[in-house]
Amino acid sequence: MSGSPQLAVGSRVRVRDDWPETRGRVHIRTPHYVRGRTGTVVRCLGDFPDPEQLAFARPARILPLYHVLFEQPQIWLEGCAGDQLLVEIYGSWLEPS
């Protein structure tokens, strides 16, 4: 998954509802509060080595990194309509919604 972006700007995506920290992985870059949530890709930031592997000096595959926009009230059950949250998320955590 390297090179050009796999997800187009405007794509609706779902963050995988996965909890690798329960399986002993301790360096997870994806915030827990967006796991299982749906958002919109607003920008591809480029391709970078997987930080979840780099943290342990392991070989790291190259992954696209995205800005994904979420509606804040759906994440934290507070805020006003139109409040949004922008999160950087690696493509390996995203799936089409």
PDB file of N, CA and C in Angstrom:
ATOM      1  N   MET A   1       0.840  -1.173   0.000  1.00  0.00           N
ATOM      2  CA  MET A   1       0.000   0.000   0.000  1.00  0.00           C
ATOM      3  C   MET A   1       0.892   1.247   0.000  1.00  0.00           C
ATOM      4  N   SER A   2       1.612   1.445  -1.039  1.00  0.00           N
ATOM      5  CA  SER A   2       2.442   2.650  -1.119  1.00  0.00           C
ATOM      6  C   SER A   2       2.195   3.328  -2.448  1.00  0.00           C
ATOM      7  N   GLY A   3       2.843   4.456  -2.639  1.00  0.00           N
ATOM      8  CA  GLY A   3       2.657   5.194  -3.878  1.00  0.00           C
ATOM      9  C   GLY A   3       1.463   6.120  -3.773  1.00  0.00           C
ATOM     10  N   SER A   4       0.628   6.133  -4.816  1.00  0.00           N
ATOM     11  CA  SER A   4      -0.498   7.063  -4.843  1.00  0.00           C
ATOM     12  C   SER A   4      -1.551   6.667  -3.815  1.00  0.00           C
ATOM     13  N   PRO A   5      -2.347   7.635  -3.384  1.00  0.00           N
ATOM     14  CA  PRO A   5      -3.360   7.356  -2.358  1.00  0.00           C
ATOM     15  C   PRO A   5      -4.344   6.279  -2.803  1.00  0.00           C
ATOM     16  N   GLN A   6      -4.727   5.432  -1.887  1.00  0.00           N
ATOM     17  CA  GLN A   6      -5.713   4.392  -2.156  1.00  0.00           C
ATOM     18  C   GLN A   6      -7.134   4.908  -1.966  1.00  0.00           C
ATOM     19  N   LEU A   7      -7.270   5.949  -1.161  1.00  0.00           N
ATOM     20  CA  LEU A   7      -8.595   6.509  -0.866  1.00  0.00           C
ATOM     21  C   LEU A   7      -8.680   7.925  -1.419  1.00  0.00           C
ATOM     22  N   ALA A   8      -9.736   8.217  -2.112  1.00  0.00           N
ATOM     23  CA  ALA A   8      -9.909   9.537  -2.717  1.00  0.00           C
ATOM     24  C   ALA A   8     -10.438  10.533  -1.690  1.00  0.00           C
ATOM     25  N   VAL A   9     -10.057  11.775  -1.865  1.00  0.00           N
ATOM     26  CA  VAL A   9     -10.628  12.851  -1.049  1.00  0.00           C
ATOM     27  C   VAL A   9     -12.145  12.809  -1.224  1.00  0.00           C
ATOM     28  N   GLY A  10     -12.853  12.910  -0.126  1.00  0.00           N
ATOM     29  CA  GLY A  10     -14.311  12.838  -0.148  1.00  0.00           C
ATOM     30  C   GLY A  10     -14.854  11.456   0.150  1.00  0.00           C
ATOM     31  N   SER A  11     -13.977  10.439   0.173  1.00  0.00           N
ATOM     32  CA  SER A  11     -14.422   9.071   0.467  1.00  0.00           C
ATOM     33  C   SER A  11     -14.898   8.961   1.903  1.00  0.00           C
ATOM     34  N   ARG A  12     -16.007   8.262   2.090  1.00  0.00           N
ATOM     35  CA  ARG A  12     -16.471   7.934   3.440  1.00  0.00           C
ATOM     36  C   ARG A  12     -15.718   6.687   3.871  1.00  0.00           C
ATOM     37  N   VAL A  13     -15.154   6.723   5.069  1.00  0.00           N
ATOM     38  CA  VAL A  13     -14.362   5.613   5.574  1.00  0.00           C
ATOM     39  C   VAL A  13     -14.779   5.280   6.997  1.00  0.00           C
ATOM     40  N   ARG A  14     -14.510   4.069   7.384  1.00  0.00           N
ATOM     41  CA  ARG A  14     -14.735   3.619   8.758  1.00  0.00           C
ATOM     42  C   ARG A  14     -13.386   3.225   9.325  1.00  0.00           C
ATOM     43  N   VAL A  15     -13.100   3.672  10.526  1.00  0.00           N
ATOM     44  CA  VAL A  15     -11.881   3.279  11.210  1.00  0.00           C
ATOM     45  C   VAL A  15     -12.125   1.882  11.779  1.00  0.00           C
ATOM     46  N   ARG A  16     -11.165   0.973  11.545  1.00  0.00           N
ATOM     47  CA  ARG A  16     -11.328  -0.394  12.049  1.00  0.00           C
ATOM     48  C   ARG A  16     -11.595  -0.382  13.557  1.00  0.00           C
ATOM     49  N   ASP A  17     -12.519  -1.196  13.984  1.00  0.00           N
ATOM     50  CA  ASP A  17     -12.841  -1.341  15.408  1.00  0.00           C
ATOM     51  C   ASP A  17     -11.979  -2.477  15.950  1.00  0.00           C
ATOM     52  N   ASP A  18     -10.691  -2.176  16.101  1.00  0.00           N
ATOM     53  CA  ASP A  18      -9.702  -3.167  16.498  1.00  0.00           C
ATOM     54  C   ASP A  18      -8.977  -2.650  17.737  1.00  0.00           C
ATOM     55  N   TRP A  19      -8.558  -3.542  18.595  1.00  0.00           N
ATOM     56  CA  TRP A  19      -7.897  -3.182  19.853  1.00  0.00           C
ATOM     57  C   TRP A  19      -6.619  -3.994  20.015  1.00  0.00           C
ATOM     58  N   PRO A  20      -5.594  -3.722  19.181  1.00  0.00           N
ATOM     59  CA  PRO A  20      -4.358  -4.508  19.243  1.00  0.00           C
ATOM     60  C   PRO A  20      -3.657  -4.423  20.592  1.00  0.00           C
ATOM     61  N   GLU A  21      -3.906  -3.368  21.355  1.00  0.00           N
ATOM     62  CA  GLU A  21      -3.268  -3.261  22.669  1.00  0.00           C
ATOM     63  C   GLU A  21      -3.735  -4.372  23.611  1.00  0.00           C
ATOM     64  N   THR A  22      -4.896  -4.969  23.335  1.00  0.00           N
ATOM     65  CA  THR A  22      -5.354  -6.093  24.154  1.00  0.00           C
ATOM     66  C   THR A  22      -4.622  -7.378  23.789  1.00  0.00           C
ATOM     67  N   ARG A  23      -3.869  -7.332  22.682  1.00  0.00           N
ATOM     68  CA  ARG A  23      -3.085  -8.489  22.241  1.00  0.00           C
ATOM     69  C   ARG A  23      -1.584  -8.242  22.449  1.00  0.00           C
ATOM     70  N   GLY A  24      -1.256  -7.267  23.290  1.00  0.00           N
ATOM     71  CA  GLY A  24       0.143  -7.043  23.626  1.00  0.00           C
ATOM     72  C   GLY A  24       0.863  -5.993  22.804  1.00  0.00           C
ATOM     73  N   ARG A  25       0.216  -5.401  21.828  1.00  0.00           N
ATOM     74  CA  ARG A  25       0.857  -4.324  21.066  1.00  0.00           C
ATOM     75  C   ARG A  25       0.677  -3.037  21.846  1.00  0.00           C
ATOM     76  N   VAL A  26       1.767  -2.350  22.120  1.00  0.00           N
ATOM     77  CA  VAL A  26       1.683  -1.205  23.022  1.00  0.00           C
ATOM     78  C   VAL A  26       1.842   0.152  22.347  1.00  0.00           C
ATOM     79  N   HIS A  27       2.215   0.194  21.087  1.00  0.00           N
ATOM     80  CA  HIS A  27       2.379   1.492  20.418  1.00  0.00           C
ATOM     81  C   HIS A  27       1.356   1.593  19.290  1.00  0.00           C
ATOM     82  N   ILE A  28       0.190   2.092  19.607  1.00  0.00           N
ATOM     83  CA  ILE A  28      -0.890   2.213  18.625  1.00  0.00           C
ATOM     84  C   ILE A  28      -1.093   3.688  18.341  1.00  0.00           C
ATOM     85  N   ARG A  29      -1.038   4.063  17.067  1.00  0.00           N
ATOM     86  CA  ARG A  29      -1.088   5.459  16.671  1.00  0.00           C
ATOM     87  C   ARG A  29      -2.512   5.960  16.472  1.00  0.00           C
ATOM     88  N   THR A  30      -3.481   5.055  16.357  1.00  0.00           N
ATOM     89  CA  THR A  30      -4.862   5.445  16.077  1.00  0.00           C
ATOM     90  C   THR A  30      -5.631   5.649  17.382  1.00  0.00           C
ATOM     91  N   PRO A  31      -6.193   6.850  17.591  1.00  0.00           N
ATOM     92  CA  PRO A  31      -6.904   7.114  18.843  1.00  0.00           C
ATOM     93  C   PRO A  31      -8.080   6.156  19.051  1.00  0.00           C
ATOM     94  N   HIS A  32      -8.245   5.707  20.277  1.00  0.00           N
ATOM     95  CA  HIS A  32      -9.324   4.764  20.570  1.00  0.00           C
ATOM     96  C   HIS A  32     -10.703   5.358  20.325  1.00  0.00           C
ATOM     97  N   TYR A  33     -10.859   6.668  20.507  1.00  0.00           N
ATOM     98  CA  TYR A  33     -12.187   7.275  20.400  1.00  0.00           C
ATOM     99  C   TYR A  33     -12.717   7.359  18.976  1.00  0.00           C
ATOM    100  N   VAL A  34     -11.896   7.076  17.960  1.00  0.00           N
ATOM    101  CA  VAL A  34     -12.413   7.065  16.589  1.00  0.00           C
ATOM    102  C   VAL A  34     -12.540   5.654  16.026  1.00  0.00           C
ATOM    103  N   ARG A  35     -12.112   4.651  16.766  1.00  0.00           N
ATOM    104  CA  ARG A  35     -12.211   3.272  16.274  1.00  0.00           C
ATOM    105  C   ARG A  35     -13.678   2.878  16.146  1.00  0.00           C
ATOM    106  N   GLY A  36     -14.017   2.337  14.986  1.00  0.00           N
ATOM    107  CA  GLY A  36     -15.394   1.961  14.698  1.00  0.00           C
ATOM    108  C   GLY A  36     -16.252   3.106  14.194  1.00  0.00           C
ATOM    109  N   ARG A  37     -15.695   4.301  14.125  1.00  0.00           N
ATOM    110  CA  ARG A  37     -16.457   5.490  13.692  1.00  0.00           C
ATOM    111  C   ARG A  37     -16.272   5.745  12.197  1.00  0.00           C
ATOM    112  N   THR A  38     -17.200   6.477  11.639  1.00  0.00           N
ATOM    113  CA  THR A  38     -17.178   6.814  10.215  1.00  0.00           C
ATOM    114  C   THR A  38     -16.851   8.289  10.035  1.00  0.00           C
ATOM    115  N   GLY A  39     -15.983   8.560   9.065  1.00  0.00           N
ATOM    116  CA  GLY A  39     -15.598   9.929   8.759  1.00  0.00           C
ATOM    117  C   GLY A  39     -15.379  10.101   7.263  1.00  0.00           C
ATOM    118  N   THR A  40     -14.820  11.240   6.893  1.00  0.00           N
ATOM    119  CA  THR A  40     -14.590  11.567   5.486  1.00  0.00           C
ATOM    120  C   THR A  40     -13.129  11.923   5.277  1.00  0.00           C
ATOM    121  N   VAL A  41     -12.519  11.335   4.260  1.00  0.00           N
ATOM    122  CA  VAL A  41     -11.140  11.670   3.906  1.00  0.00           C
ATOM    123  C   VAL A  41     -11.131  13.087   3.330  1.00  0.00           C
ATOM    124  N   VAL A  42     -10.310  13.963   3.902  1.00  0.00           N
ATOM    125  CA  VAL A  42     -10.226  15.331   3.386  1.00  0.00           C
ATOM    126  C   VAL A  42      -8.869  15.621   2.745  1.00  0.00           C
ATOM    127  N   ARG A  43      -7.865  14.774   3.007  1.00  0.00           N
ATOM    128  CA  ARG A  43      -6.543  15.027   2.424  1.00  0.00           C
ATOM    129  C   ARG A  43      -5.665  13.790   2.595  1.00  0.00           C
ATOM    130  N   CYS A  44      -4.865  13.486   1.580  1.00  0.00           N
ATOM    131  CA  CYS A  44      -3.810  12.486   1.728  1.00  0.00           C
ATOM    132  C   CYS A  44      -2.532  13.259   2.029  1.00  0.00           C
ATOM    133  N   LEU A  45      -1.863  12.904   3.106  1.00  0.00           N
ATOM    134  CA  LEU A  45      -0.667  13.618   3.538  1.00  0.00           C
ATOM    135  C   LEU A  45       0.614  13.024   2.977  1.00  0.00           C
ATOM    136  N   GLY A  46       0.515  11.896   2.278  1.00  0.00           N
ATOM    137  CA  GLY A  46       1.688  11.244   1.691  1.00  0.00           C
ATOM    138  C   GLY A  46       1.862   9.846   2.247  1.00  0.00           C
ATOM    139  N   ASP A  47       2.976   9.223   1.875  1.00  0.00           N
ATOM    140  CA  ASP A  47       3.284   7.860   2.286  1.00  0.00           C
ATOM    141  C   ASP A  47       4.438   7.883   3.277  1.00  0.00           C
ATOM    142  N   PHE A  48       4.297   7.130   4.371  1.00  0.00           N
ATOM    143  CA  PHE A  48       5.288   7.132   5.443  1.00  0.00           C
ATOM    144  C   PHE A  48       5.463   5.728   6.003  1.00  0.00           C
ATOM    145  N   PRO A  49       6.619   5.442   6.607  1.00  0.00           N
ATOM    146  CA  PRO A  49       6.794   4.147   7.271  1.00  0.00           C
ATOM    147  C   PRO A  49       5.829   4.017   8.446  1.00  0.00           C
ATOM    148  N   ASP A  50       5.346   2.813   8.660  1.00  0.00           N
ATOM    149  CA  ASP A  50       4.386   2.515   9.727  1.00  0.00           C
ATOM    150  C   ASP A  50       5.012   2.772  11.103  1.00  0.00           C
ATOM    151  N   PRO A  51       4.539   3.791  11.849  1.00  0.00           N
ATOM    152  CA  PRO A  51       5.142   4.119  13.138  1.00  0.00           C
ATOM    153  C   PRO A  51       4.922   3.044  14.197  1.00  0.00           C
ATOM    154  N   GLU A  52       3.903   2.208  14.009  1.00  0.00           N
ATOM    155  CA  GLU A  52       3.650   1.144  14.969  1.00  0.00           C
ATOM    156  C   GLU A  52       4.766   0.099  14.923  1.00  0.00           C
ATOM    157  N   GLN A  53       5.469   0.019  13.804  1.00  0.00           N
ATOM    158  CA  GLN A  53       6.619  -0.878  13.683  1.00  0.00           C
ATOM    159  C   GLN A  53       7.926  -0.151  13.993  1.00  0.00           C
ATOM    160  N   LEU A  54       8.042   1.076  13.532  1.00  0.00           N
ATOM    161  CA  LEU A  54       9.259   1.855  13.782  1.00  0.00           C
ATOM    162  C   LEU A  54       9.541   2.028  15.273  1.00  0.00           C
ATOM    163  N   ALA A  55       8.491   2.096  16.088  1.00  0.00           N
ATOM    164  CA  ALA A  55       8.652   2.283  17.530  1.00  0.00           C
ATOM    165  C   ALA A  55       9.494   1.173  18.156  1.00  0.00           C
ATOM    166  N   PHE A  56       9.550   0.017  17.497  1.00  0.00           N
ATOM    167  CA  PHE A  56      10.304  -1.119  18.026  1.00  0.00           C
ATOM    168  C   PHE A  56      11.463  -1.505  17.115  1.00  0.00           C
ATOM    169  N   ALA A  57      11.878  -0.568  16.246  1.00  0.00           N
ATOM    170  CA  ALA A  57      12.993  -0.779  15.314  1.00  0.00           C
ATOM    171  C   ALA A  57      12.766  -1.992  14.413  1.00  0.00           C
ATOM    172  N   ARG A  58      11.514  -2.228  14.058  1.00  0.00           N
ATOM    173  CA  ARG A  58      11.163  -3.314  13.138  1.00  0.00           C
ATOM    174  C   ARG A  58      11.063  -2.764  11.727  1.00  0.00           C
ATOM    175  N   PRO A  59      11.230  -3.614  10.714  1.00  0.00           N
ATOM    176  CA  PRO A  59      10.994  -3.158   9.342  1.00  0.00           C
ATOM    177  C   PRO A  59       9.561  -2.638   9.228  1.00  0.00           C
ATOM    178  N   ALA A  60       9.408  -1.516   8.579  1.00  0.00           N
ATOM    179  CA  ALA A  60       8.086  -0.880   8.507  1.00  0.00           C
ATOM    180  C   ALA A  60       7.644  -0.734   7.056  1.00  0.00           C
ATOM    181  N   ARG A  61       6.450  -1.220   6.783  1.00  0.00           N
ATOM    182  CA  ARG A  61       5.894  -1.027   5.438  1.00  0.00           C
ATOM    183  C   ARG A  61       5.517   0.445   5.276  1.00  0.00           C
ATOM    184  N   ILE A  62       5.430   0.870   4.042  1.00  0.00           N
ATOM    185  CA  ILE A  62       5.058   2.242   3.722  1.00  0.00           C
ATOM    186  C   ILE A  62       3.540   2.317   3.596  1.00  0.00           C
ATOM    187  N   LEU A  63       2.951   3.266   4.321  1.00  0.00           N
ATOM    188  CA  LEU A  63       1.492   3.414   4.347  1.00  0.00           C
ATOM    189  C   LEU A  63       1.088   4.852   4.027  1.00  0.00           C
ATOM    190  N   PRO A  64      -0.046   5.034   3.351  1.00  0.00           N
ATOM    191  CA  PRO A  64      -0.564   6.393   3.172  1.00  0.00           C
ATOM    192  C   PRO A  64      -1.138   6.911   4.487  1.00  0.00           C
ATOM    193  N   LEU A  65      -0.955   8.192   4.718  1.00  0.00           N
ATOM    194  CA  LEU A  65      -1.480   8.858   5.914  1.00  0.00           C
ATOM    195  C   LEU A  65      -2.525   9.869   5.468  1.00  0.00           C
ATOM    196  N   TYR A  66      -3.672   9.862   6.124  1.00  0.00           N
ATOM    197  CA  TYR A  66      -4.795  10.705   5.721  1.00  0.00           C
ATOM    198  C   TYR A  66      -5.238  11.629   6.851  1.00  0.00           C
ATOM    199  N   HIS A  67      -5.815  12.752   6.467  1.00  0.00           N
ATOM    200  CA  HIS A  67      -6.625  13.555   7.381  1.00  0.00           C
ATOM    201  C   HIS A  67      -8.052  13.069   7.182  1.00  0.00           C
ATOM    202  N   VAL A  68      -8.667  12.651   8.280  1.00  0.00           N
ATOM    203  CA  VAL A  68     -10.056  12.185   8.240  1.00  0.00           C
ATOM    204  C   VAL A  68     -10.872  13.083   9.155  1.00  0.00           C
ATOM    205  N   LEU A  69     -11.986  13.566   8.643  1.00  0.00           N
ATOM    206  CA  LEU A  69     -12.857  14.488   9.368  1.00  0.00           C
ATOM    207  C   LEU A  69     -14.058  13.739   9.934  1.00  0.00           C
ATOM    208  N   PHE A  70     -14.311  13.967  11.221  1.00  0.00           N
ATOM    209  CA  PHE A  70     -15.435  13.348  11.921  1.00  0.00           C
ATOM    210  C   PHE A  70     -16.342  14.441  12.471  1.00  0.00           C
ATOM    211  N   GLU A  71     -17.612  14.145  12.571  1.00  0.00           N
ATOM    212  CA  GLU A  71     -18.554  15.045  13.232  1.00  0.00           C
ATOM    213  C   GLU A  71     -18.383  14.837  14.738  1.00  0.00           C
ATOM    214  N   GLN A  72     -18.021  15.873  15.450  1.00  0.00           N
ATOM    215  CA  GLN A  72     -17.700  15.760  16.874  1.00  0.00           C
ATOM    216  C   GLN A  72     -18.830  15.185  17.728  1.00  0.00           C
ATOM    217  N   PRO A  73     -20.087  15.620  17.545  1.00  0.00           N
ATOM    218  CA  PRO A  73     -21.145  15.074  18.405  1.00  0.00           C
ATOM    219  C   PRO A  73     -21.260  13.547  18.335  1.00  0.00           C
ATOM    220  N   GLN A  74     -20.901  12.946  17.206  1.00  0.00           N
ATOM    221  CA  GLN A  74     -20.977  11.487  17.074  1.00  0.00           C
ATOM    222  C   GLN A  74     -19.831  10.795  17.805  1.00  0.00           C
ATOM    223  N   ILE A  75     -18.739  11.509  18.045  1.00  0.00           N
ATOM    224  CA  ILE A  75     -17.583  10.918  18.716  1.00  0.00           C
ATOM    225  C   ILE A  75     -17.734  10.990  20.231  1.00  0.00           C
ATOM    226  N   TRP A  76     -17.993  12.178  20.751  1.00  0.00           N
ATOM    227  CA  TRP A  76     -18.011  12.392  22.195  1.00  0.00           C
ATOM    228  C   TRP A  76     -19.397  12.661  22.767  1.00  0.00           C
ATOM    229  N   LEU A  77     -20.414  12.592  21.909  1.00  0.00           N
ATOM    230  CA  LEU A  77     -21.795  12.830  22.344  1.00  0.00           C
ATOM    231  C   LEU A  77     -21.955  14.191  23.005  1.00  0.00           C
ATOM    232  N   GLU A  78     -21.191  15.155  22.526  1.00  0.00           N
ATOM    233  CA  GLU A  78     -21.329  16.544  22.973  1.00  0.00           C
ATOM    234  C   GLU A  78     -20.897  17.450  21.838  1.00  0.00           C
ATOM    235  N   GLY A  79     -21.196  18.719  21.968  1.00  0.00           N
ATOM    236  CA  GLY A  79     -20.879  19.680  20.925  1.00  0.00           C
ATOM    237  C   GLY A  79     -22.119  20.029  20.129  1.00  0.00           C
ATOM    238  N   CYS A  80     -21.937  20.946  19.222  1.00  0.00           N
ATOM    239  CA  CYS A  80     -23.037  21.436  18.394  1.00  0.00           C
ATOM    240  C   CYS A  80     -22.925  20.884  16.984  1.00  0.00           C
ATOM    241  N   ALA A  81     -24.040  20.880  16.288  1.00  0.00           N
ATOM    242  CA  ALA A  81     -24.025  20.500  14.878  1.00  0.00           C
ATOM    243  C   ALA A  81     -23.009  21.377  14.163  1.00  0.00           C
ATOM    244  N   GLY A  82     -22.183  20.774  13.363  1.00  0.00           N
ATOM    245  CA  GLY A  82     -21.146  21.512  12.648  1.00  0.00           C
ATOM    246  C   GLY A  82     -19.787  21.456  13.325  1.00  0.00           C
ATOM    247  N   ASP A  83     -19.733  21.067  14.609  1.00  0.00           N
ATOM    248  CA  ASP A  83     -18.443  20.878  15.282  1.00  0.00           C
ATOM    249  C   ASP A  83     -17.778  19.637  14.683  1.00  0.00           C
ATOM    250  N   GLN A  84     -16.494  19.753  14.378  1.00  0.00           N
ATOM    251  CA  GLN A  84     -15.798  18.658  13.714  1.00  0.00           C
ATOM    252  C   GLN A  84     -14.472  18.357  14.385  1.00  0.00           C
ATOM    253  N   LEU A  85     -13.960  17.179  14.104  1.00  0.00           N
ATOM    254  CA  LEU A  85     -12.695  16.699  14.631  1.00  0.00           C
ATOM    255  C   LEU A  85     -11.870  16.182  13.463  1.00  0.00           C
ATOM    256  N   LEU A  86     -10.636  16.662  13.311  1.00  0.00           N
ATOM    257  CA  LEU A  86      -9.741  16.240  12.233  1.00  0.00           C
ATOM    258  C   LEU A  86      -8.639  15.385  12.845  1.00  0.00           C
ATOM    259  N   VAL A  87      -8.464  14.162  12.318  1.00  0.00           N
ATOM    260  CA  VAL A  87      -7.506  13.206  12.871  1.00  0.00           C
ATOM    261  C   VAL A  87      -6.626  12.662  11.747  1.00  0.00           C
ATOM    262  N   GLU A  88      -5.319  12.510  12.024  1.00  0.00           N
ATOM    263  CA  GLU A  88      -4.408  11.844  11.097  1.00  0.00           C
ATOM    264  C   GLU A  88      -4.494  10.343  11.348  1.00  0.00           C
ATOM    265  N   ILE A  89      -4.795   9.593  10.284  1.00  0.00           N
ATOM    266  CA  ILE A  89      -4.950   8.142  10.419  1.00  0.00           C
ATOM    267  C   ILE A  89      -4.281   7.450   9.233  1.00  0.00           C
ATOM    268  N   TYR A  90      -3.509   6.408   9.536  1.00  0.00           N
ATOM    269  CA  TYR A  90      -2.855   5.623   8.494  1.00  0.00           C
ATOM    270  C   TYR A  90      -3.876   4.764   7.768  1.00  0.00           C
ATOM    271  N   GLY A  91      -3.637   4.568   6.467  1.00  0.00           N
ATOM    272  CA  GLY A  91      -4.553   3.825   5.617  1.00  0.00           C
ATOM    273  C   GLY A  91      -4.839   2.401   6.071  1.00  0.00           C
ATOM    274  N   SER A  92      -3.909   1.774   6.793  1.00  0.00           N
ATOM    275  CA  SER A  92      -4.124   0.416   7.252  1.00  0.00           C
ATOM    276  C   SER A  92      -5.259   0.325   8.272  1.00  0.00           C
ATOM    277  N   TRP A  93      -5.651   1.443   8.850  1.00  0.00           N
ATOM    278  CA  TRP A  93      -6.749   1.479   9.817  1.00  0.00           C
ATOM    279  C   TRP A  93      -8.095   1.828   9.170  1.00  0.00           C
ATOM    280  N   LEU A  94      -8.098   2.156   7.892  1.00  0.00           N
ATOM    281  CA  LEU A  94      -9.322   2.642   7.243  1.00  0.00           C
ATOM    282  C   LEU A  94      -9.894   1.631   6.271  1.00  0.00           C
ATOM    283  N   GLU A  95     -11.216   1.598   6.216  1.00  0.00           N
ATOM    284  CA  GLU A  95     -11.908   0.767   5.241  1.00  0.00           C
ATOM    285  C   GLU A  95     -13.063   1.578   4.660  1.00  0.00           C
ATOM    286  N   PRO A  96     -13.397   1.341   3.396  1.00  0.00           N
ATOM    287  CA  PRO A  96     -14.520   2.091   2.808  1.00  0.00           C
ATOM    288  C   PRO A  96     -15.792   1.873   3.619  1.00  0.00           C
ATOM    289  N   SER A  97     -16.576   2.943   3.739  1.00  0.00           N
ATOM    290  CA  SER A  97     -17.807   2.863   4.526  1.00  0.00           C
ATOM    291  C   SER A  97     -19.000   2.660   3.625  1.00  0.00           C
TER     292      SER A  97
END
